[in-house]
Amino acid sequence: MSVKIRLARHGAKKRPFYRIVVADCEFSRDGRFLERVGTYNPLMDPAEVVLEKERIEYWMGQGAIPTTTVKSLLKKEGLLANPA
């Protein structure tokens, strides 16, 4: 079972709102997930990101791999160290 931290899209047409979830890689994008660990609203200026940092650190310690988009959000929030 490979676990990923990724975005699940919600909201109306042309009005996206994303939940940051921990899910098995075999589950569908907006389907089942193990835990919701944050939200991302790209329509706000600047974009609004809310994270449950303790839970994200826990899941990454358990081997969860963030997708590229989530990884960039985590770097902007200071949760991941930038490789020099």
PDB file of N, CA and C in Angstrom:
ATOM      1  N   MET A   1       0.853  -1.187   0.000  1.00  0.00           N
ATOM      2  CA  MET A   1       0.000   0.000   0.000  1.00  0.00           C
ATOM      3  C   MET A   1       0.890   1.238   0.000  1.00  0.00           C
ATOM      4  N   SER A   2       0.859   2.004  -1.084  1.00  0.00           N
ATOM      5  CA  SER A   2       1.612   3.241  -1.191  1.00  0.00           C
ATOM      6  C   SER A   2       0.702   4.411  -0.835  1.00  0.00           C
ATOM      7  N   VAL A   3       1.121   5.202   0.118  1.00  0.00           N
ATOM      8  CA  VAL A   3       0.297   6.309   0.612  1.00  0.00           C
ATOM      9  C   VAL A   3       0.858   7.616   0.092  1.00  0.00           C
ATOM     10  N   LYS A   4      -0.037   8.487  -0.386  1.00  0.00           N
ATOM     11  CA  LYS A   4       0.356   9.791  -0.915  1.00  0.00           C
ATOM     12  C   LYS A   4      -0.411  10.893  -0.212  1.00  0.00           C
ATOM     13  N   ILE A   5       0.220  12.058  -0.134  1.00  0.00           N
ATOM     14  CA  ILE A   5      -0.454  13.271   0.328  1.00  0.00           C
ATOM     15  C   ILE A   5      -0.749  14.055  -0.935  1.00  0.00           C
ATOM     16  N   ARG A   6      -2.024  14.284  -1.233  1.00  0.00           N
ATOM     17  CA  ARG A   6      -2.382  14.901  -2.502  1.00  0.00           C
ATOM     18  C   ARG A   6      -3.619  15.785  -2.370  1.00  0.00           C
ATOM     19  N   LEU A   7      -3.988  16.429  -3.474  1.00  0.00           N
ATOM     20  CA  LEU A   7      -5.147  17.314  -3.494  1.00  0.00           C
ATOM     21  C   LEU A   7      -6.382  16.563  -3.961  1.00  0.00           C
ATOM     22  N   ALA A   8      -7.526  16.867  -3.337  1.00  0.00           N
ATOM     23  CA  ALA A   8      -8.822  16.361  -3.789  1.00  0.00           C
ATOM     24  C   ALA A   8      -9.664  17.585  -4.135  1.00  0.00           C
ATOM     25  N   ARG A   9     -10.167  17.648  -5.358  1.00  0.00           N
ATOM     26  CA  ARG A   9     -10.870  18.838  -5.825  1.00  0.00           C
ATOM     27  C   ARG A   9     -12.323  18.840  -5.369  1.00  0.00           C
ATOM     28  N   HIS A  10     -12.754  19.981  -4.870  1.00  0.00           N
ATOM     29  CA  HIS A  10     -14.143  20.213  -4.501  1.00  0.00           C
ATOM     30  C   HIS A  10     -14.513  21.591  -5.012  1.00  0.00           C
ATOM     31  N   GLY A  11     -15.729  22.030  -4.764  1.00  0.00           N
ATOM     32  CA  GLY A  11     -16.163  23.335  -5.235  1.00  0.00           C
ATOM     33  C   GLY A  11     -16.937  23.215  -6.527  1.00  0.00           C
ATOM     34  N   ALA A  12     -17.429  24.340  -6.983  1.00  0.00           N
ATOM     35  CA  ALA A  12     -18.255  24.386  -8.183  1.00  0.00           C
ATOM     36  C   ALA A  12     -17.391  24.495  -9.439  1.00  0.00           C
ATOM     37  N   LYS A  13     -18.062  24.433 -10.572  1.00  0.00           N
ATOM     38  CA  LYS A  13     -17.386  24.580 -11.852  1.00  0.00           C
ATOM     39  C   LYS A  13     -16.729  25.957 -11.927  1.00  0.00           C
ATOM     40  N   LYS A  14     -15.465  25.989 -12.299  1.00  0.00           N
ATOM     41  CA  LYS A  14     -14.656  27.200 -12.406  1.00  0.00           C
ATOM     42  C   LYS A  14     -14.443  27.899 -11.065  1.00  0.00           C
ATOM     43  N   ARG A  15     -14.775  27.244  -9.957  1.00  0.00           N
ATOM     44  CA  ARG A  15     -14.550  27.783  -8.608  1.00  0.00           C
ATOM     45  C   ARG A  15     -13.900  26.691  -7.751  1.00  0.00           C
ATOM     46  N   PRO A  16     -12.664  26.315  -8.038  1.00  0.00           N
ATOM     47  CA  PRO A  16     -12.055  25.171  -7.347  1.00  0.00           C
ATOM     48  C   PRO A  16     -11.731  25.468  -5.888  1.00  0.00           C
ATOM     49  N   PHE A  17     -11.818  24.431  -5.101  1.00  0.00           N
ATOM     50  CA  PHE A  17     -11.407  24.428  -3.703  1.00  0.00           C
ATOM     51  C   PHE A  17     -10.832  23.040  -3.460  1.00  0.00           C
ATOM     52  N   TYR A  18      -9.686  22.965  -2.843  1.00  0.00           N
ATOM     53  CA  TYR A  18      -9.013  21.683  -2.697  1.00  0.00           C
ATOM     54  C   TYR A  18      -8.861  21.302  -1.228  1.00  0.00           C
ATOM     55  N   ARG A  19      -9.010  20.018  -0.951  1.00  0.00           N
ATOM     56  CA  ARG A  19      -8.665  19.463   0.346  1.00  0.00           C
ATOM     57  C   ARG A  19      -7.337  18.742   0.176  1.00  0.00           C
ATOM     58  N   ILE A  20      -6.469  18.898   1.147  1.00  0.00           N
ATOM     59  CA  ILE A  20      -5.203  18.161   1.146  1.00  0.00           C
ATOM     60  C   ILE A  20      -5.465  16.903   1.960  1.00  0.00           C
ATOM     61  N   VAL A  21      -5.354  15.749   1.307  1.00  0.00           N
ATOM     62  CA  VAL A  21      -5.719  14.487   1.945  1.00  0.00           C
ATOM     63  C   VAL A  21      -4.569  13.490   1.866  1.00  0.00           C
ATOM     64  N   VAL A  22      -4.621  12.529   2.777  1.00  0.00           N
ATOM     65  CA  VAL A  22      -3.714  11.388   2.758  1.00  0.00           C
ATOM     66  C   VAL A  22      -4.523  10.217   2.221  1.00  0.00           C
ATOM     67  N   ALA A  23      -4.078   9.624   1.112  1.00  0.00           N
ATOM     68  CA  ALA A  23      -4.851   8.561   0.475  1.00  0.00           C
ATOM     69  C   ALA A  23      -3.930   7.507  -0.107  1.00  0.00           C
ATOM     70  N   ASP A  24      -4.462   6.307  -0.218  1.00  0.00           N
ATOM     71  CA  ASP A  24      -3.772   5.234  -0.922  1.00  0.00           C
ATOM     72  C   ASP A  24      -3.702   5.637  -2.393  1.00  0.00           C
ATOM     73  N   CYS A  25      -2.607   5.335  -3.058  1.00  0.00           N
ATOM     74  CA  CYS A  25      -2.435   5.754  -4.448  1.00  0.00           C
ATOM     75  C   CYS A  25      -3.443   5.101  -5.386  1.00  0.00           C
ATOM     76  N   GLU A  26      -4.087   4.010  -4.956  1.00  0.00           N
ATOM     77  CA  GLU A  26      -5.051   3.333  -5.816  1.00  0.00           C
ATOM     78  C   GLU A  26      -6.456   3.921  -5.711  1.00  0.00           C
ATOM     79  N   PHE A  27      -6.713   4.785  -4.718  1.00  0.00           N
ATOM     80  CA  PHE A  27      -8.027   5.413  -4.588  1.00  0.00           C
ATOM     81  C   PHE A  27      -8.159   6.519  -5.631  1.00  0.00           C
ATOM     82  N   SER A  28      -9.402   6.804  -6.044  1.00  0.00           N
ATOM     83  CA  SER A  28      -9.611   7.854  -7.037  1.00  0.00           C
ATOM     84  C   SER A  28      -9.309   9.230  -6.438  1.00  0.00           C
ATOM     85  N   ARG A  29      -9.116  10.210  -7.295  1.00  0.00           N
ATOM     86  CA  ARG A  29      -8.700  11.545  -6.856  1.00  0.00           C
ATOM     87  C   ARG A  29      -9.633  12.142  -5.806  1.00  0.00           C
ATOM     88  N   ASP A  30     -10.930  12.072  -6.044  1.00  0.00           N
ATOM     89  CA  ASP A  30     -11.896  12.662  -5.129  1.00  0.00           C
ATOM     90  C   ASP A  30     -12.614  11.609  -4.296  1.00  0.00           C
ATOM     91  N   GLY A  31     -12.100  10.399  -4.301  1.00  0.00           N
ATOM     92  CA  GLY A  31     -12.764   9.296  -3.617  1.00  0.00           C
ATOM     93  C   GLY A  31     -12.299   9.135  -2.180  1.00  0.00           C
ATOM     94  N   ARG A  32     -12.139   7.873  -1.793  1.00  0.00           N
ATOM     95  CA  ARG A  32     -11.763   7.552  -0.417  1.00  0.00           C
ATOM     96  C   ARG A  32     -10.410   8.135  -0.054  1.00  0.00           C
ATOM     97  N   PHE A  33     -10.283   8.473   1.208  1.00  0.00           N
ATOM     98  CA  PHE A  33      -8.999   8.926   1.714  1.00  0.00           C
ATOM     99  C   PHE A  33      -8.871   8.486   3.164  1.00  0.00           C
ATOM    100  N   LEU A  34      -7.660   8.506   3.672  1.00  0.00           N
ATOM    101  CA  LEU A  34      -7.401   8.064   5.035  1.00  0.00           C
ATOM    102  C   LEU A  34      -7.626   9.188   6.040  1.00  0.00           C
ATOM    103  N   GLU A  35      -7.197  10.404   5.681  1.00  0.00           N
ATOM    104  CA  GLU A  35      -7.343  11.532   6.593  1.00  0.00           C
ATOM    105  C   GLU A  35      -7.226  12.840   5.814  1.00  0.00           C
ATOM    106  N   ARG A  36      -8.002  13.843   6.235  1.00  0.00           N
ATOM    107  CA  ARG A  36      -7.877  15.181   5.660  1.00  0.00           C
ATOM    108  C   ARG A  36      -6.912  15.968   6.537  1.00  0.00           C
ATOM    109  N   VAL A  37      -5.862  16.524   5.935  1.00  0.00           N
ATOM    110  CA  VAL A  37      -4.838  17.208   6.705  1.00  0.00           C
ATOM    111  C   VAL A  37      -4.699  18.686   6.358  1.00  0.00           C
ATOM    112  N   GLY A  38      -5.597  19.220   5.535  1.00  0.00           N
ATOM    113  CA  GLY A  38      -5.531  20.642   5.230  1.00  0.00           C
ATOM    114  C   GLY A  38      -6.437  21.021   4.078  1.00  0.00           C
ATOM    115  N   THR A  39      -6.411  22.322   3.761  1.00  0.00           N
ATOM    116  CA  THR A  39      -7.189  22.853   2.642  1.00  0.00           C
ATOM    117  C   THR A  39      -6.328  23.836   1.858  1.00  0.00           C
ATOM    118  N   TYR A  40      -6.726  24.056   0.597  1.00  0.00           N
ATOM    119  CA  TYR A  40      -6.035  24.988  -0.286  1.00  0.00           C
ATOM    120  C   TYR A  40      -7.081  25.689  -1.133  1.00  0.00           C
ATOM    121  N   ASN A  41      -7.121  27.021  -1.033  1.00  0.00           N
ATOM    122  CA  ASN A  41      -8.070  27.810  -1.807  1.00  0.00           C
ATOM    123  C   ASN A  41      -7.284  28.741  -2.729  1.00  0.00           C
ATOM    124  N   PRO A  42      -7.154  28.387  -4.024  1.00  0.00           N
ATOM    125  CA  PRO A  42      -6.355  29.200  -4.942  1.00  0.00           C
ATOM    126  C   PRO A  42      -7.042  30.492  -5.381  1.00  0.00           C
ATOM    127  N   LEU A  43      -8.329  30.661  -5.085  1.00  0.00           N
ATOM    128  CA  LEU A  43      -9.054  31.843  -5.537  1.00  0.00           C
ATOM    129  C   LEU A  43      -8.828  33.058  -4.639  1.00  0.00           C
ATOM    130  N   MET A  44      -8.352  32.849  -3.442  1.00  0.00           N
ATOM    131  CA  MET A  44      -8.044  33.970  -2.551  1.00  0.00           C
ATOM    132  C   MET A  44      -6.781  34.660  -3.054  1.00  0.00           C
ATOM    133  N   ASP A  45      -6.601  35.921  -2.670  1.00  0.00           N
ATOM    134  CA  ASP A  45      -5.395  36.640  -3.071  1.00  0.00           C
ATOM    135  C   ASP A  45      -4.708  37.174  -1.833  1.00  0.00           C
ATOM    136  N   PRO A  46      -3.635  36.597  -1.357  1.00  0.00           N
ATOM    137  CA  PRO A  46      -2.922  35.432  -1.874  1.00  0.00           C
ATOM    138  C   PRO A  46      -3.655  34.133  -1.567  1.00  0.00           C
ATOM    139  N   ALA A  47      -3.246  33.063  -2.213  1.00  0.00           N
ATOM    140  CA  ALA A  47      -3.900  31.769  -2.038  1.00  0.00           C
ATOM    141  C   ALA A  47      -3.863  31.360  -0.564  1.00  0.00           C
ATOM    142  N   GLU A  48      -4.976  30.833  -0.075  1.00  0.00           N
ATOM    143  CA  GLU A  48      -5.102  30.452   1.329  1.00  0.00           C
ATOM    144  C   GLU A  48      -4.759  28.969   1.493  1.00  0.00           C
ATOM    145  N   VAL A  49      -3.814  28.684   2.373  1.00  0.00           N
ATOM    146  CA  VAL A  49      -3.414  27.310   2.670  1.00  0.00           C
ATOM    147  C   VAL A  49      -3.526  27.102   4.171  1.00  0.00           C
ATOM    148  N   VAL A  50      -4.294  26.086   4.578  1.00  0.00           N
ATOM    149  CA  VAL A  50      -4.434  25.733   5.984  1.00  0.00           C
ATOM    150  C   VAL A  50      -3.948  24.297   6.135  1.00  0.00           C
ATOM    151  N   LEU A  51      -2.968  24.097   7.020  1.00  0.00           N
ATOM    152  CA  LEU A  51      -2.362  22.771   7.190  1.00  0.00           C
ATOM    153  C   LEU A  51      -2.425  22.332   8.644  1.00  0.00           C
ATOM    154  N   GLU A  52      -2.605  21.042   8.844  1.00  0.00           N
ATOM    155  CA  GLU A  52      -2.449  20.441  10.164  1.00  0.00           C
ATOM    156  C   GLU A  52      -1.037  19.865  10.194  1.00  0.00           C
ATOM    157  N   LYS A  53      -0.084  20.685  10.627  1.00  0.00           N
ATOM    158  CA  LYS A  53       1.334  20.356  10.501  1.00  0.00           C
ATOM    159  C   LYS A  53       1.717  19.082  11.251  1.00  0.00           C
ATOM    160  N   GLU A  54       1.153  18.877  12.438  1.00  0.00           N
ATOM    161  CA  GLU A  54       1.516  17.682  13.206  1.00  0.00           C
ATOM    162  C   GLU A  54       1.115  16.410  12.474  1.00  0.00           C
ATOM    163  N   ARG A  55      -0.081  16.418  11.885  1.00  0.00           N
ATOM    164  CA  ARG A  55      -0.558  15.226  11.174  1.00  0.00           C
ATOM    165  C   ARG A  55       0.227  14.993   9.884  1.00  0.00           C
ATOM    166  N   ILE A  56       0.626  16.057   9.191  1.00  0.00           N
ATOM    167  CA  ILE A  56       1.427  15.906   7.976  1.00  0.00           C
ATOM    168  C   ILE A  56       2.792  15.324   8.334  1.00  0.00           C
ATOM    169  N   GLU A  57       3.395  15.832   9.406  1.00  0.00           N
ATOM    170  CA  GLU A  57       4.684  15.287   9.838  1.00  0.00           C
ATOM    171  C   GLU A  57       4.544  13.823  10.243  1.00  0.00           C
ATOM    172  N   TYR A  58       3.435  13.472  10.898  1.00  0.00           N
ATOM    173  CA  TYR A  58       3.201  12.080  11.282  1.00  0.00           C
ATOM    174  C   TYR A  58       3.145  11.185  10.044  1.00  0.00           C
ATOM    175  N   TRP A  59       2.330  11.568   9.057  1.00  0.00           N
ATOM    176  CA  TRP A  59       2.161  10.735   7.867  1.00  0.00           C
ATOM    177  C   TRP A  59       3.445  10.647   7.057  1.00  0.00           C
ATOM    178  N   MET A  60       4.201  11.732   6.983  1.00  0.00           N
ATOM    179  CA  MET A  60       5.473  11.666   6.259  1.00  0.00           C
ATOM    180  C   MET A  60       6.459  10.770   7.008  1.00  0.00           C
ATOM    181  N   GLY A  61       6.379  10.740   8.320  1.00  0.00           N
ATOM    182  CA  GLY A  61       7.191   9.829   9.103  1.00  0.00           C
ATOM    183  C   GLY A  61       6.807   8.376   8.882  1.00  0.00           C
ATOM    184  N   GLN A  62       5.535   8.145   8.525  1.00  0.00           N
ATOM    185  CA  GLN A  62       5.059   6.801   8.240  1.00  0.00           C
ATOM    186  C   GLN A  62       5.341   6.382   6.792  1.00  0.00           C
ATOM    187  N   GLY A  63       5.892   7.291   5.979  1.00  0.00           N
ATOM    188  CA  GLY A  63       6.266   6.939   4.615  1.00  0.00           C
ATOM    189  C   GLY A  63       5.376   7.526   3.535  1.00  0.00           C
ATOM    190  N   ALA A  64       4.447   8.417   3.889  1.00  0.00           N
ATOM    191  CA  ALA A  64       3.590   9.045   2.877  1.00  0.00           C
ATOM    192  C   ALA A  64       4.429   9.995   2.024  1.00  0.00           C
ATOM    193  N   ILE A  65       4.161   9.990   0.723  1.00  0.00           N
ATOM    194  CA  ILE A  65       4.921  10.795  -0.227  1.00  0.00           C
ATOM    195  C   ILE A  65       4.007  11.901  -0.769  1.00  0.00           C
ATOM    196  N   PRO A  66       4.387  13.181  -0.607  1.00  0.00           N
ATOM    197  CA  PRO A  66       3.565  14.259  -1.166  1.00  0.00           C
ATOM    198  C   PRO A  66       3.737  14.344  -2.685  1.00  0.00           C
ATOM    199  N   THR A  67       2.653  14.700  -3.380  1.00  0.00           N
ATOM    200  CA  THR A  67       2.739  14.930  -4.817  1.00  0.00           C
ATOM    201  C   THR A  67       3.515  16.220  -5.059  1.00  0.00           C
ATOM    202  N   THR A  68       3.860  16.498  -6.301  1.00  0.00           N
ATOM    203  CA  THR A  68       4.667  17.683  -6.602  1.00  0.00           C
ATOM    204  C   THR A  68       3.950  18.972  -6.199  1.00  0.00           C
ATOM    205  N   THR A  69       2.653  19.046  -6.433  1.00  0.00           N
ATOM    206  CA  THR A  69       1.900  20.240  -6.079  1.00  0.00           C
ATOM    207  C   THR A  69       1.846  20.425  -4.573  1.00  0.00           C
ATOM    208  N   VAL A  70       1.564  19.358  -3.851  1.00  0.00           N
ATOM    209  CA  VAL A  70       1.510  19.441  -2.392  1.00  0.00           C
ATOM    210  C   VAL A  70       2.893  19.738  -1.839  1.00  0.00           C
ATOM    211  N   LYS A  71       3.929  19.173  -2.448  1.00  0.00           N
ATOM    212  CA  LYS A  71       5.292  19.433  -1.990  1.00  0.00           C
ATOM    213  C   LYS A  71       5.622  20.918  -2.111  1.00  0.00           C
ATOM    214  N   SER A  72       5.207  21.560  -3.208  1.00  0.00           N
ATOM    215  CA  SER A  72       5.474  22.992  -3.371  1.00  0.00           C
ATOM    216  C   SER A  72       4.697  23.814  -2.358  1.00  0.00           C
ATOM    217  N   LEU A  73       3.461  23.399  -2.028  1.00  0.00           N
ATOM    218  CA  LEU A  73       2.683  24.097  -0.997  1.00  0.00           C
ATOM    219  C   LEU A  73       3.351  23.951   0.370  1.00  0.00           C
ATOM    220  N   LEU A  74       3.852  22.768   0.666  1.00  0.00           N
ATOM    221  CA  LEU A  74       4.518  22.538   1.948  1.00  0.00           C
ATOM    222  C   LEU A  74       5.808  23.359   2.049  1.00  0.00           C
ATOM    223  N   LYS A  75       6.525  23.497   0.954  1.00  0.00           N
ATOM    224  CA  LYS A  75       7.739  24.315   0.963  1.00  0.00           C
ATOM    225  C   LYS A  75       7.404  25.778   1.221  1.00  0.00           C
ATOM    226  N   LYS A  76       6.336  26.278   0.581  1.00  0.00           N
ATOM    227  CA  LYS A  76       5.938  27.674   0.783  1.00  0.00           C
ATOM    228  C   LYS A  76       5.514  27.943   2.220  1.00  0.00           C
ATOM    229  N   GLU A  77       4.932  26.944   2.869  1.00  0.00           N
ATOM    230  CA  GLU A  77       4.498  27.086   4.261  1.00  0.00           C
ATOM    231  C   GLU A  77       5.626  26.792   5.242  1.00  0.00           C
ATOM    232  N   GLY A  78       6.794  26.394   4.742  1.00  0.00           N
ATOM    233  CA  GLY A  78       7.944  26.164   5.600  1.00  0.00           C
ATOM    234  C   GLY A  78       7.952  24.813   6.284  1.00  0.00           C
ATOM    235  N   LEU A  79       7.168  23.868   5.780  1.00  0.00           N
ATOM    236  CA  LEU A  79       7.103  22.544   6.398  1.00  0.00           C
ATOM    237  C   LEU A  79       8.182  21.612   5.864  1.00  0.00           C
ATOM    238  N   LEU A  80       8.638  21.859   4.654  1.00  0.00           N
ATOM    239  CA  LEU A  80       9.736  21.076   4.073  1.00  0.00           C
ATOM    240  C   LEU A  80      10.955  21.976   3.939  1.00  0.00           C
ATOM    241  N   ALA A  81      12.114  21.412   4.176  1.00  0.00           N
ATOM    242  CA  ALA A  81      13.353  22.176   3.989  1.00  0.00           C
ATOM    243  C   ALA A  81      13.677  22.250   2.511  1.00  0.00           C
ATOM    244  N   ASN A  82      14.087  23.404   2.050  1.00  0.00           N
ATOM    245  CA  ASN A  82      14.479  23.559   0.651  1.00  0.00           C
ATOM    246  C   ASN A  82      15.856  22.945   0.439  1.00  0.00           C
ATOM    247  N   PRO A  83      15.981  22.026  -0.510  1.00  0.00           N
ATOM    248  CA  PRO A  83      17.316  21.485  -0.785  1.00  0.00           C
ATOM    249  C   PRO A  83      18.200  22.550  -1.435  1.00  0.00           C
ATOM    250  N   ALA A  84      19.392  22.693  -0.954  1.00  0.00           N
ATOM    251  CA  ALA A  84      20.284  23.753  -1.455  1.00  0.00           C
ATOM    252  C   ALA A  84      20.891  23.413  -2.734  1.00  0.00           C
TER     253      ALA A  84
END
